[in-house]
Full PDB file with SEQRES, HELIX, SHEET, SSBOND, CRYST1, ORIGX, SCALE, CONECT and MASTER records, all heavy atoms in Angstrom:
SEQRES   1 A   38  GLU SER HIS TYR GLN LEU SER ARG LYS GLU MET ALA GLN          
SEQRES   2 A   38  LEU LEU GLY ILE SER GLU GLY THR ILE LYS SER ARG LEU          
SEQRES   3 A   38  HIS ARG ALA ARG ALA ARG MET GLU GLN LEU LEU LYS              
HELIX    1 AA1 ARG A    8  LEU A   15  1                                   8    
HELIX    2 AA2 GLU A   19  LEU A   37  1                                  19    
CRYST1    1.000    1.000    1.000  90.00  90.00  90.00 P 1           1          
ORIGX1      1.000000  0.000000  0.000000        0.00000                         
ORIGX2      0.000000  1.000000  0.000000        0.00000                         
ORIGX3      0.000000  0.000000  1.000000        0.00000                         
SCALE1      1.000000  0.000000  0.000000        0.00000                         
SCALE2      0.000000  1.000000  0.000000        0.00000                         
SCALE3      0.000000  0.000000  1.000000        0.00000                         
ATOM      1  N   GLU A   1     -43.363   2.313  -4.554  1.00  0.00           N  
ATOM      2  CA  GLU A   1     -44.092   1.439  -5.472  1.00  0.00           C  
ATOM      3  C   GLU A   1     -45.570   1.331  -5.097  1.00  0.00           C  
ATOM      4  O   GLU A   1     -46.450   1.538  -5.928  1.00  0.00           O  
ATOM      5  CB  GLU A   1     -43.473   0.042  -5.492  1.00  0.00           C  
ATOM      6  CG  GLU A   1     -44.205  -0.892  -6.448  1.00  0.00           C  
ATOM      7  CD  GLU A   1     -43.724  -2.322  -6.351  1.00  0.00           C  
ATOM      8  OE1 GLU A   1     -43.676  -2.883  -5.236  1.00  0.00           O  
ATOM      9  OE2 GLU A   1     -43.411  -2.878  -7.409  1.00  0.00           O  
ATOM     10  N   SER A   2     -45.842   1.029  -3.825  1.00  0.00           N  
ATOM     11  CA  SER A   2     -47.226   0.753  -3.445  1.00  0.00           C  
ATOM     12  C   SER A   2     -48.058   2.009  -3.226  1.00  0.00           C  
ATOM     13  O   SER A   2     -49.186   2.086  -3.699  1.00  0.00           O  
ATOM     14  CB  SER A   2     -47.272  -0.120  -2.198  1.00  0.00           C  
ATOM     15  OG  SER A   2     -46.689   0.555  -1.108  1.00  0.00           O  
ATOM     16  N   HIS A   3     -47.518   2.988  -2.534  1.00  0.00           N  
ATOM     17  CA  HIS A   3     -48.319   4.181  -2.240  1.00  0.00           C  
ATOM     18  C   HIS A   3     -48.302   5.190  -3.381  1.00  0.00           C  
ATOM     19  O   HIS A   3     -49.327   5.718  -3.770  1.00  0.00           O  
ATOM     20  CB  HIS A   3     -47.841   4.843  -0.942  1.00  0.00           C  
ATOM     21  CG  HIS A   3     -48.675   6.023  -0.562  1.00  0.00           C  
ATOM     22  ND1 HIS A   3     -49.952   5.889  -0.075  1.00  0.00           N  
ATOM     23  CD2 HIS A   3     -48.428   7.353  -0.626  1.00  0.00           C  
ATOM     24  CE1 HIS A   3     -50.453   7.090   0.156  1.00  0.00           C  
ATOM     25  NE2 HIS A   3     -49.547   7.999  -0.171  1.00  0.00           N  
ATOM     26  N   TYR A   4     -47.108   5.450  -3.912  1.00  0.00           N  
ATOM     27  CA  TYR A   4     -46.988   6.468  -4.956  1.00  0.00           C  
ATOM     28  C   TYR A   4     -47.112   5.895  -6.357  1.00  0.00           C  
ATOM     29  O   TYR A   4     -47.167   6.622  -7.332  1.00  0.00           O  
ATOM     30  CB  TYR A   4     -45.665   7.224  -4.802  1.00  0.00           C  
ATOM     31  CG  TYR A   4     -45.629   8.002  -3.517  1.00  0.00           C  
ATOM     32  CD1 TYR A   4     -44.914   7.553  -2.421  1.00  0.00           C  
ATOM     33  CD2 TYR A   4     -46.343   9.180  -3.376  1.00  0.00           C  
ATOM     34  CE1 TYR A   4     -44.892   8.261  -1.231  1.00  0.00           C  
ATOM     35  CE2 TYR A   4     -46.332   9.890  -2.191  1.00  0.00           C  
ATOM     36  CZ  TYR A   4     -45.603   9.426  -1.123  1.00  0.00           C  
ATOM     37  OH  TYR A   4     -45.598  10.128   0.054  1.00  0.00           O  
ATOM     38  N   GLN A   5     -47.140   4.581  -6.460  1.00  0.00           N  
ATOM     39  CA  GLN A   5     -47.325   3.855  -7.712  1.00  0.00           C  
ATOM     40  C   GLN A   5     -46.339   4.296  -8.794  1.00  0.00           C  
ATOM     41  O   GLN A   5     -46.690   4.464  -9.949  1.00  0.00           O  
ATOM     42  CB  GLN A   5     -48.770   3.990  -8.194  1.00  0.00           C  
ATOM     43  CG  GLN A   5     -49.746   3.409  -7.193  1.00  0.00           C  
ATOM     44  CD  GLN A   5     -51.188   3.613  -7.572  1.00  0.00           C  
ATOM     45  OE1 GLN A   5     -51.519   4.395  -8.447  1.00  0.00           O  
ATOM     46  NE2 GLN A   5     -52.068   2.896  -6.899  1.00  0.00           N  
ATOM     47  N   LEU A   6     -45.080   4.461  -8.382  1.00  0.00           N  
ATOM     48  CA  LEU A   6     -44.037   4.805  -9.340  1.00  0.00           C  
ATOM     49  C   LEU A   6     -43.518   3.534  -9.998  1.00  0.00           C  
ATOM     50  O   LEU A   6     -43.462   2.475  -9.374  1.00  0.00           O  
ATOM     51  CB  LEU A   6     -42.873   5.518  -8.646  1.00  0.00           C  
ATOM     52  CG  LEU A   6     -43.164   6.878  -8.009  1.00  0.00           C  
ATOM     53  CD1 LEU A   6     -41.876   7.478  -7.452  1.00  0.00           C  
ATOM     54  CD2 LEU A   6     -43.805   7.838  -8.991  1.00  0.00           C  
ATOM     55  N   SER A   7     -43.150   3.663 -11.246  1.00  0.00           N  
ATOM     56  CA  SER A   7     -42.551   2.531 -11.962  1.00  0.00           C  
ATOM     57  C   SER A   7     -41.117   2.357 -11.478  1.00  0.00           C  
ATOM     58  O   SER A   7     -40.548   3.235 -10.821  1.00  0.00           O  
ATOM     59  CB  SER A   7     -42.562   2.807 -13.469  1.00  0.00           C  
ATOM     60  OG  SER A   7     -41.672   3.874 -13.763  1.00  0.00           O  
ATOM     61  N   ARG A   8     -40.517   1.234 -11.841  1.00  0.00           N  
ATOM     62  CA  ARG A   8     -39.106   1.010 -11.473  1.00  0.00           C  
ATOM     63  C   ARG A   8     -38.220   2.078 -12.098  1.00  0.00           C  
ATOM     64  O   ARG A   8     -37.266   2.545 -11.480  1.00  0.00           O  
ATOM     65  CB  ARG A   8     -38.661  -0.381 -11.903  1.00  0.00           C  
ATOM     66  CG  ARG A   8     -39.287  -1.466 -11.062  1.00  0.00           C  
ATOM     67  CD  ARG A   8     -38.822  -2.832 -11.482  1.00  0.00           C  
ATOM     68  NE  ARG A   8     -39.529  -3.830 -10.709  1.00  0.00           N  
ATOM     69  CZ  ARG A   8     -39.734  -5.065 -11.105  1.00  0.00           C  
ATOM     70  NH1 ARG A   8     -39.242  -5.475 -12.253  1.00  0.00           N  
ATOM     71  NH2 ARG A   8     -40.389  -5.903 -10.355  1.00  0.00           N  
ATOM     72  N   LYS A   9     -38.535   2.469 -13.300  1.00  0.00           N  
ATOM     73  CA  LYS A   9     -37.756   3.498 -13.983  1.00  0.00           C  
ATOM     74  C   LYS A   9     -37.861   4.829 -13.222  1.00  0.00           C  
ATOM     75  O   LYS A   9     -36.849   5.509 -13.023  1.00  0.00           O  
ATOM     76  CB  LYS A   9     -38.252   3.669 -15.419  1.00  0.00           C  
ATOM     77  CG  LYS A   9     -37.482   4.676 -16.221  1.00  0.00           C  
ATOM     78  CD  LYS A   9     -37.976   4.746 -17.649  1.00  0.00           C  
ATOM     79  CE  LYS A   9     -37.146   5.749 -18.440  1.00  0.00           C  
ATOM     80  NZ  LYS A   9     -37.554   5.797 -19.841  1.00  0.00           N  
ATOM     81  N   GLU A  10     -39.064   5.194 -12.818  1.00  0.00           N  
ATOM     82  CA  GLU A  10     -39.251   6.442 -12.075  1.00  0.00           C  
ATOM     83  C   GLU A  10     -38.543   6.389 -10.720  1.00  0.00           C  
ATOM     84  O   GLU A  10     -37.943   7.372 -10.281  1.00  0.00           O  
ATOM     85  CB  GLU A  10     -40.743   6.730 -11.878  1.00  0.00           C  
ATOM     86  CG  GLU A  10     -41.460   7.141 -13.148  1.00  0.00           C  
ATOM     87  CD  GLU A  10     -42.966   7.255 -12.970  1.00  0.00           C  
ATOM     88  OE1 GLU A  10     -43.568   6.393 -12.284  1.00  0.00           O  
ATOM     89  OE2 GLU A  10     -43.538   8.218 -13.519  1.00  0.00           O  
ATOM     90  N   MET A  11     -38.622   5.227 -10.054  1.00  0.00           N  
ATOM     91  CA  MET A  11     -37.927   5.087  -8.771  1.00  0.00           C  
ATOM     92  C   MET A  11     -36.418   5.221  -8.964  1.00  0.00           C  
ATOM     93  O   MET A  11     -35.736   5.848  -8.152  1.00  0.00           O  
ATOM     94  CB  MET A  11     -38.261   3.746  -8.115  1.00  0.00           C  
ATOM     95  CG  MET A  11     -39.633   3.699  -7.491  1.00  0.00           C  
ATOM     96  SD  MET A  11     -39.890   2.198  -6.516  1.00  0.00           S  
ATOM     97  CE  MET A  11     -40.387   1.057  -7.787  1.00  0.00           C  
ATOM     98  N   ALA A  12     -35.894   4.626 -10.030  1.00  0.00           N  
ATOM     99  CA  ALA A  12     -34.463   4.702 -10.308  1.00  0.00           C  
ATOM    100  C   ALA A  12     -34.042   6.157 -10.522  1.00  0.00           C  
ATOM    101  O   ALA A  12     -33.014   6.599 -10.001  1.00  0.00           O  
ATOM    102  CB  ALA A  12     -34.116   3.855 -11.527  1.00  0.00           C  
ATOM    103  N   GLN A  13     -34.859   6.909 -11.259  1.00  0.00           N  
ATOM    104  CA  GLN A  13     -34.571   8.329 -11.468  1.00  0.00           C  
ATOM    105  C   GLN A  13     -34.628   9.099 -10.158  1.00  0.00           C  
ATOM    106  O   GLN A  13     -33.751   9.903  -9.864  1.00  0.00           O  
ATOM    107  CB  GLN A  13     -35.574   8.943 -12.452  1.00  0.00           C  
ATOM    108  CG  GLN A  13     -35.411   8.489 -13.878  1.00  0.00           C  
ATOM    109  CD  GLN A  13     -36.526   9.001 -14.774  1.00  0.00           C  
ATOM    110  OE1 GLN A  13     -37.605   9.365 -14.313  1.00  0.00           O  
ATOM    111  NE2 GLN A  13     -36.265   9.030 -16.072  1.00  0.00           N  
ATOM    112  N   LEU A  14     -35.651   8.844  -9.373  1.00  0.00           N  
ATOM    113  CA  LEU A  14     -35.847   9.549  -8.106  1.00  0.00           C  
ATOM    114  C   LEU A  14     -34.703   9.292  -7.130  1.00  0.00           C  
ATOM    115  O   LEU A  14     -34.189  10.210  -6.502  1.00  0.00           O  
ATOM    116  CB  LEU A  14     -37.181   9.127  -7.474  1.00  0.00           C  
ATOM    117  CG  LEU A  14     -37.496   9.646  -6.081  1.00  0.00           C  
ATOM    118  CD1 LEU A  14     -37.761  11.146  -6.125  1.00  0.00           C  
ATOM    119  CD2 LEU A  14     -38.692   8.937  -5.505  1.00  0.00           C  
ATOM    120  N   LEU A  15     -34.284   8.033  -7.019  1.00  0.00           N  
ATOM    121  CA  LEU A  15     -33.263   7.658  -6.042  1.00  0.00           C  
ATOM    122  C   LEU A  15     -31.842   7.728  -6.591  1.00  0.00           C  
ATOM    123  O   LEU A  15     -30.882   7.594  -5.824  1.00  0.00           O  
ATOM    124  CB  LEU A  15     -33.550   6.240  -5.514  1.00  0.00           C  
ATOM    125  CG  LEU A  15     -34.902   6.061  -4.819  1.00  0.00           C  
ATOM    126  CD1 LEU A  15     -35.117   4.603  -4.430  1.00  0.00           C  
ATOM    127  CD2 LEU A  15     -35.016   6.959  -3.615  1.00  0.00           C  
ATOM    128  N   GLY A  16     -31.709   7.893  -7.894  1.00  0.00           N  
ATOM    129  CA  GLY A  16     -30.385   7.995  -8.494  1.00  0.00           C  
ATOM    130  C   GLY A  16     -29.621   6.679  -8.506  1.00  0.00           C  
ATOM    131  O   GLY A  16     -28.402   6.654  -8.345  1.00  0.00           O  
ATOM    132  N   ILE A  17     -30.355   5.581  -8.682  1.00  0.00           N  
ATOM    133  CA  ILE A  17     -29.732   4.263  -8.744  1.00  0.00           C  
ATOM    134  C   ILE A  17     -30.296   3.524  -9.958  1.00  0.00           C  
ATOM    135  O   ILE A  17     -31.263   3.969 -10.570  1.00  0.00           O  
ATOM    136  CB  ILE A  17     -29.963   3.449  -7.441  1.00  0.00           C  
ATOM    137  CG1 ILE A  17     -31.455   3.323  -7.117  1.00  0.00           C  
ATOM    138  CG2 ILE A  17     -29.224   4.075  -6.274  1.00  0.00           C  
ATOM    139  CD1 ILE A  17     -31.763   2.527  -5.872  1.00  0.00           C  
ATOM    140  N   SER A  18     -29.709   2.384 -10.292  1.00  0.00           N  
ATOM    141  CA  SER A  18     -30.143   1.645 -11.484  1.00  0.00           C  
ATOM    142  C   SER A  18     -31.464   0.914 -11.248  1.00  0.00           C  
ATOM    143  O   SER A  18     -31.844   0.637 -10.102  1.00  0.00           O  
ATOM    144  CB  SER A  18     -29.076   0.633 -11.889  1.00  0.00           C  
ATOM    145  OG  SER A  18     -29.036  -0.437 -10.965  1.00  0.00           O  
ATOM    146  N   GLU A  19     -32.134   0.599 -12.349  1.00  0.00           N  
ATOM    147  CA  GLU A  19     -33.376  -0.162 -12.257  1.00  0.00           C  
ATOM    148  C   GLU A  19     -33.117  -1.553 -11.677  1.00  0.00           C  
ATOM    149  O   GLU A  19     -33.972  -2.097 -10.970  1.00  0.00           O  
ATOM    150  CB  GLU A  19     -34.047  -0.277 -13.634  1.00  0.00           C  
ATOM    151  CG  GLU A  19     -34.681   1.011 -14.093  1.00  0.00           C  
ATOM    152  CD  GLU A  19     -35.439   0.855 -15.403  1.00  0.00           C  
ATOM    153  OE1 GLU A  19     -36.382   0.027 -15.460  1.00  0.00           O  
ATOM    154  OE2 GLU A  19     -35.084   1.560 -16.362  1.00  0.00           O  
ATOM    155  N   GLY A  20     -31.957  -2.126 -11.968  1.00  0.00           N  
ATOM    156  CA  GLY A  20     -31.599  -3.429 -11.412  1.00  0.00           C  
ATOM    157  C   GLY A  20     -31.511  -3.376  -9.891  1.00  0.00           C  
ATOM    158  O   GLY A  20     -31.936  -4.307  -9.201  1.00  0.00           O  
ATOM    159  N   THR A  21     -30.960  -2.285  -9.368  1.00  0.00           N  
ATOM    160  CA  THR A  21     -30.869  -2.116  -7.917  1.00  0.00           C  
ATOM    161  C   THR A  21     -32.268  -1.973  -7.320  1.00  0.00           C  
ATOM    162  O   THR A  21     -32.553  -2.529  -6.257  1.00  0.00           O  
ATOM    163  CB  THR A  21     -29.999  -0.894  -7.566  1.00  0.00           C  
ATOM    164  OG1 THR A  21     -28.703  -1.088  -8.148  1.00  0.00           O  
ATOM    165  CG2 THR A  21     -29.871  -0.705  -6.074  1.00  0.00           C  
ATOM    166  N   ILE A  22     -33.137  -1.260  -8.022  1.00  0.00           N  
ATOM    167  CA  ILE A  22     -34.533  -1.110  -7.570  1.00  0.00           C  
ATOM    168  C   ILE A  22     -35.181  -2.491  -7.505  1.00  0.00           C  
ATOM    169  O   ILE A  22     -35.821  -2.850  -6.503  1.00  0.00           O  
ATOM    170  CB  ILE A  22     -35.335  -0.190  -8.516  1.00  0.00           C  
ATOM    171  CG1 ILE A  22     -34.811   1.248  -8.469  1.00  0.00           C  
ATOM    172  CG2 ILE A  22     -36.834  -0.241  -8.198  1.00  0.00           C  
ATOM    173  CD1 ILE A  22     -35.007   1.969  -7.164  1.00  0.00           C  
ATOM    174  N   LYS A  23     -35.021  -3.271  -8.549  1.00  0.00           N  
ATOM    175  CA  LYS A  23     -35.614  -4.615  -8.609  1.00  0.00           C  
ATOM    176  C   LYS A  23     -35.099  -5.475  -7.457  1.00  0.00           C  
ATOM    177  O   LYS A  23     -35.872  -6.169  -6.787  1.00  0.00           O  
ATOM    178  CB  LYS A  23     -35.298  -5.261  -9.960  1.00  0.00           C  
ATOM    179  CG  LYS A  23     -35.985  -6.559 -10.192  1.00  0.00           C  
ATOM    180  CD  LYS A  23     -35.704  -7.080 -11.600  1.00  0.00           C  
ATOM    181  CE  LYS A  23     -36.377  -8.412 -11.829  1.00  0.00           C  
ATOM    182  NZ  LYS A  23     -36.118  -8.923 -13.179  1.00  0.00           N  
ATOM    183  N   SER A  24     -33.799  -5.419  -7.211  1.00  0.00           N  
ATOM    184  CA  SER A  24     -33.177  -6.191  -6.136  1.00  0.00           C  
ATOM    185  C   SER A  24     -33.715  -5.759  -4.766  1.00  0.00           C  
ATOM    186  O   SER A  24     -34.050  -6.592  -3.919  1.00  0.00           O  
ATOM    187  CB  SER A  24     -31.666  -6.014  -6.199  1.00  0.00           C  
ATOM    188  OG  SER A  24     -31.047  -6.602  -5.093  1.00  0.00           O  
ATOM    189  N   ARG A  25     -33.785  -4.439  -4.537  1.00  0.00           N  
ATOM    190  CA  ARG A  25     -34.287  -3.937  -3.249  1.00  0.00           C  
ATOM    191  C   ARG A  25     -35.742  -4.319  -3.035  1.00  0.00           C  
ATOM    192  O   ARG A  25     -36.137  -4.666  -1.916  1.00  0.00           O  
ATOM    193  CB  ARG A  25     -34.122  -2.419  -3.166  1.00  0.00           C  
ATOM    194  CG  ARG A  25     -32.684  -2.007  -2.938  1.00  0.00           C  
ATOM    195  CD  ARG A  25     -32.563  -0.514  -2.768  1.00  0.00           C  
ATOM    196  NE  ARG A  25     -31.168  -0.130  -2.624  1.00  0.00           N  
ATOM    197  CZ  ARG A  25     -30.753   1.113  -2.482  1.00  0.00           C  
ATOM    198  NH1 ARG A  25     -31.623   2.113  -2.459  1.00  0.00           N  
ATOM    199  NH2 ARG A  25     -29.465   1.386  -2.361  1.00  0.00           N  
ATOM    200  N   LEU A  26     -36.550  -4.240  -4.090  1.00  0.00           N  
ATOM    201  CA  LEU A  26     -37.957  -4.640  -3.964  1.00  0.00           C  
ATOM    202  C   LEU A  26     -38.062  -6.123  -3.610  1.00  0.00           C  
ATOM    203  O   LEU A  26     -38.866  -6.505  -2.747  1.00  0.00           O  
ATOM    204  CB  LEU A  26     -38.723  -4.346  -5.263  1.00  0.00           C  
ATOM    205  CG  LEU A  26     -39.125  -2.898  -5.492  1.00  0.00           C  
ATOM    206  CD1 LEU A  26     -39.635  -2.706  -6.920  1.00  0.00           C  
ATOM    207  CD2 LEU A  26     -40.200  -2.477  -4.486  1.00  0.00           C  
ATOM    208  N   HIS A  27     -37.265  -6.949  -4.278  1.00  0.00           N  
ATOM    209  CA  HIS A  27     -37.283  -8.384  -3.994  1.00  0.00           C  
ATOM    210  C   HIS A  27     -36.911  -8.656  -2.537  1.00  0.00           C  
ATOM    211  O   HIS A  27     -37.589  -9.416  -1.833  1.00  0.00           O  
ATOM    212  CB  HIS A  27     -36.329  -9.122  -4.939  1.00  0.00           C  
ATOM    213  CG  HIS A  27     -36.200 -10.572  -4.638  1.00  0.00           C  
ATOM    214  ND1 HIS A  27     -37.183 -11.485  -4.955  1.00  0.00           N  
ATOM    215  CD2 HIS A  27     -35.213 -11.274  -4.015  1.00  0.00           C  
ATOM    216  CE1 HIS A  27     -36.811 -12.695  -4.534  1.00  0.00           C  
ATOM    217  NE2 HIS A  27     -35.616 -12.585  -3.973  1.00  0.00           N  
ATOM    218  N   ARG A  28     -35.838  -8.028  -2.062  1.00  0.00           N  
ATOM    219  CA  ARG A  28     -35.393  -8.226  -0.682  1.00  0.00           C  
ATOM    220  C   ARG A  28     -36.395  -7.669   0.320  1.00  0.00           C  
ATOM    221  O   ARG A  28     -36.618  -8.274   1.373  1.00  0.00           O  
ATOM    222  CB  ARG A  28     -34.024  -7.589  -0.479  1.00  0.00           C  
ATOM    223  CG  ARG A  28     -32.928  -8.339  -1.213  1.00  0.00           C  
ATOM    224  CD  ARG A  28     -31.579  -7.707  -1.012  1.00  0.00           C  
ATOM    225  NE  ARG A  28     -30.575  -8.456  -1.757  1.00  0.00           N  
ATOM    226  CZ  ARG A  28     -29.528  -7.920  -2.322  1.00  0.00           C  
ATOM    227  NH1 ARG A  28     -29.292  -6.621  -2.207  1.00  0.00           N  
ATOM    228  NH2 ARG A  28     -28.674  -8.667  -2.995  1.00  0.00           N  
ATOM    229  N   ALA A  29     -36.996  -6.529  -0.011  1.00  0.00           N  
ATOM    230  CA  ALA A  29     -37.995  -5.938   0.891  1.00  0.00           C  
ATOM    231  C   ALA A  29     -39.208  -6.863   1.022  1.00  0.00           C  
ATOM    232  O   ALA A  29     -39.710  -7.093   2.122  1.00  0.00           O  
ATOM    233  CB  ALA A  29     -38.427  -4.574   0.366  1.00  0.00           C  
ATOM    234  N   ARG A  30     -39.643  -7.409  -0.092  1.00  0.00           N  
ATOM    235  CA  ARG A  30     -40.799  -8.319  -0.053  1.00  0.00           C  
ATOM    236  C   ARG A  30     -40.464  -9.595   0.717  1.00  0.00           C  
ATOM    237  O   ARG A  30     -41.297 -10.111   1.468  1.00  0.00           O  
ATOM    238  CB  ARG A  30     -41.238  -8.652  -1.475  1.00  0.00           C  
ATOM    239  CG  ARG A  30     -41.891  -7.485  -2.171  1.00  0.00           C  
ATOM    240  CD  ARG A  30     -42.318  -7.847  -3.582  1.00  0.00           C  
ATOM    241  NE  ARG A  30     -42.807  -6.691  -4.280  1.00  0.00           N  
ATOM    242  CZ  ARG A  30     -42.392  -6.311  -5.479  1.00  0.00           C  
ATOM    243  NH1 ARG A  30     -41.504  -7.033  -6.144  1.00  0.00           N  
ATOM    244  NH2 ARG A  30     -42.886  -5.239  -6.045  1.00  0.00           N  
ATOM    245  N   ALA A  31     -39.248 -10.101   0.539  1.00  0.00           N  
ATOM    246  CA  ALA A  31     -38.832 -11.310   1.259  1.00  0.00           C  
ATOM    247  C   ALA A  31     -38.809 -11.051   2.764  1.00  0.00           C  
ATOM    248  O   ALA A  31     -39.277 -11.884   3.553  1.00  0.00           O  
ATOM    249  CB  ALA A  31     -37.454 -11.771   0.773  1.00  0.00           C  
ATOM    250  N   ARG A  32     -38.292  -9.899   3.171  1.00  0.00           N  
ATOM    251  CA  ARG A  32     -38.276  -9.560   4.605  1.00  0.00           C  
ATOM    252  C   ARG A  32     -39.686  -9.387   5.143  1.00  0.00           C  
ATOM    253  O   ARG A  32     -39.974  -9.803   6.262  1.00  0.00           O  
ATOM    254  CB  ARG A  32     -37.475  -8.285   4.845  1.00  0.00           C  
ATOM    255  CG  ARG A  32     -35.997  -8.519   4.716  1.00  0.00           C  
ATOM    256  CD  ARG A  32     -35.257  -7.719   5.740  1.00  0.00           C  
ATOM    257  NE  ARG A  32     -33.836  -7.902   5.554  1.00  0.00           N  
ATOM    258  CZ  ARG A  32     -32.934  -7.072   5.993  1.00  0.00           C  
ATOM    259  NH1 ARG A  32     -33.298  -5.997   6.636  1.00  0.00           N  
ATOM    260  NH2 ARG A  32     -31.664  -7.310   5.805  1.00  0.00           N  
ATOM    261  N   MET A  33     -40.540  -8.755   4.357  1.00  0.00           N  
ATOM    262  CA  MET A  33     -41.935  -8.584   4.785  1.00  0.00           C  
ATOM    263  C   MET A  33     -42.604  -9.944   4.966  1.00  0.00           C  
ATOM    264  O   MET A  33     -43.341 -10.146   5.925  1.00  0.00           O  
ATOM    265  CB  MET A  33     -42.709  -7.734   3.769  1.00  0.00           C  
ATOM    266  CG  MET A  33     -42.437  -6.262   3.860  1.00  0.00           C  
ATOM    267  SD  MET A  33     -42.933  -5.526   5.437  1.00  0.00           S  
ATOM    268  CE  MET A  33     -44.706  -5.746   5.361  1.00  0.00           C  
ATOM    269  N   GLU A  34     -42.333 -10.849   4.054  1.00  0.00           N  
ATOM    270  CA  GLU A  34     -42.913 -12.192   4.160  1.00  0.00           C  
ATOM    271  C   GLU A  34     -42.452 -12.863   5.449  1.00  0.00           C  
ATOM    272  O   GLU A  34     -43.254 -13.474   6.165  1.00  0.00           O  
ATOM    273  CB  GLU A  34     -42.520 -13.030   2.943  1.00  0.00           C  
ATOM    274  CG  GLU A  34     -43.209 -14.374   2.901  1.00  0.00           C  
ATOM    275  CD  GLU A  34     -42.901 -15.143   1.618  1.00  0.00           C  
ATOM    276  OE1 GLU A  34     -42.417 -14.553   0.648  1.00  0.00           O  
ATOM    277  OE2 GLU A  34     -43.162 -16.363   1.626  1.00  0.00           O  
ATOM    278  N   GLN A  35     -41.169 -12.720   5.786  1.00  0.00           N  
ATOM    279  CA  GLN A  35     -40.651 -13.283   7.036  1.00  0.00           C  
ATOM    280  C   GLN A  35     -41.339 -12.654   8.246  1.00  0.00           C  
ATOM    281  O   GLN A  35     -41.733 -13.365   9.173  1.00  0.00           O  
ATOM    282  CB  GLN A  35     -39.141 -13.051   7.145  1.00  0.00           C  
ATOM    283  CG  GLN A  35     -38.310 -13.881   6.209  1.00  0.00           C  
ATOM    284  CD  GLN A  35     -36.834 -13.518   6.295  1.00  0.00           C  
ATOM    285  OE1 GLN A  35     -36.483 -12.376   6.523  1.00  0.00           O  
ATOM    286  NE2 GLN A  35     -35.981 -14.517   6.095  1.00  0.00           N  
ATOM    287  N   LEU A  36     -41.462 -11.349   8.235  1.00  0.00           N  
ATOM    288  CA  LEU A  36     -42.091 -10.652   9.364  1.00  0.00           C  
ATOM    289  C   LEU A  36     -43.559 -11.051   9.512  1.00  0.00           C  
ATOM    290  O   LEU A  36     -44.043 -11.266  10.625  1.00  0.00           O  
ATOM    291  CB  LEU A  36     -41.965  -9.133   9.181  1.00  0.00           C  
ATOM    292  CG  LEU A  36     -40.569  -8.554   9.369  1.00  0.00           C  
ATOM    293  CD1 LEU A  36     -40.523  -7.104   8.888  1.00  0.00           C  
ATOM    294  CD2 LEU A  36     -40.120  -8.670  10.811  1.00  0.00           C  
ATOM    295  N   LEU A  37     -44.250 -11.155   8.400  1.00  0.00           N  
ATOM    296  CA  LEU A  37     -45.668 -11.522   8.446  1.00  0.00           C  
ATOM    297  C   LEU A  37     -45.872 -12.958   8.931  1.00  0.00           C  
ATOM    298  O   LEU A  37     -46.891 -13.268   9.545  1.00  0.00           O  
ATOM    299  CB  LEU A  37     -46.321 -11.311   7.074  1.00  0.00           C  
ATOM    300  CG  LEU A  37     -46.481  -9.846   6.669  1.00  0.00           C  
ATOM    301  CD1 LEU A  37     -46.888  -9.744   5.197  1.00  0.00           C  
ATOM    302  CD2 LEU A  37     -47.489  -9.143   7.550  1.00  0.00           C  
ATOM    303  N   LYS A  38     -44.906 -13.817   8.653  1.00  0.00           N  
ATOM    304  CA  LYS A  38     -44.978 -15.196   9.120  1.00  0.00           C  
ATOM    305  C   LYS A  38     -44.498 -15.328  10.556  1.00  0.00           C  
ATOM    306  O   LYS A  38     -44.540 -16.415  11.127  1.00  0.00           O  
ATOM    307  CB  LYS A  38     -44.152 -16.117   8.219  1.00  0.00           C  
ATOM    308  CG  LYS A  38     -44.759 -16.324   6.848  1.00  0.00           C  
ATOM    309  CD  LYS A  38     -43.882 -17.246   6.032  1.00  0.00           C  
ATOM    310  CE  LYS A  38     -44.499 -17.520   4.669  1.00  0.00           C  
ATOM    311  NZ  LYS A  38     -43.644 -18.401   3.860  1.00  0.00           N  
TER     312      LYS A  38                                                      
MASTER        0    0    0    2    0    0    0    6  311    1    0    3          
END                                                                             
């Protein structure tokens, strides 16, 4: 998302998973990053 600037749809195609799973993983990744940064 950040470096390659792919859309959720493109990421879903690339990884072979649903857009909902992409959205969920992004949410969890950001939450973990927030914890680490704090």
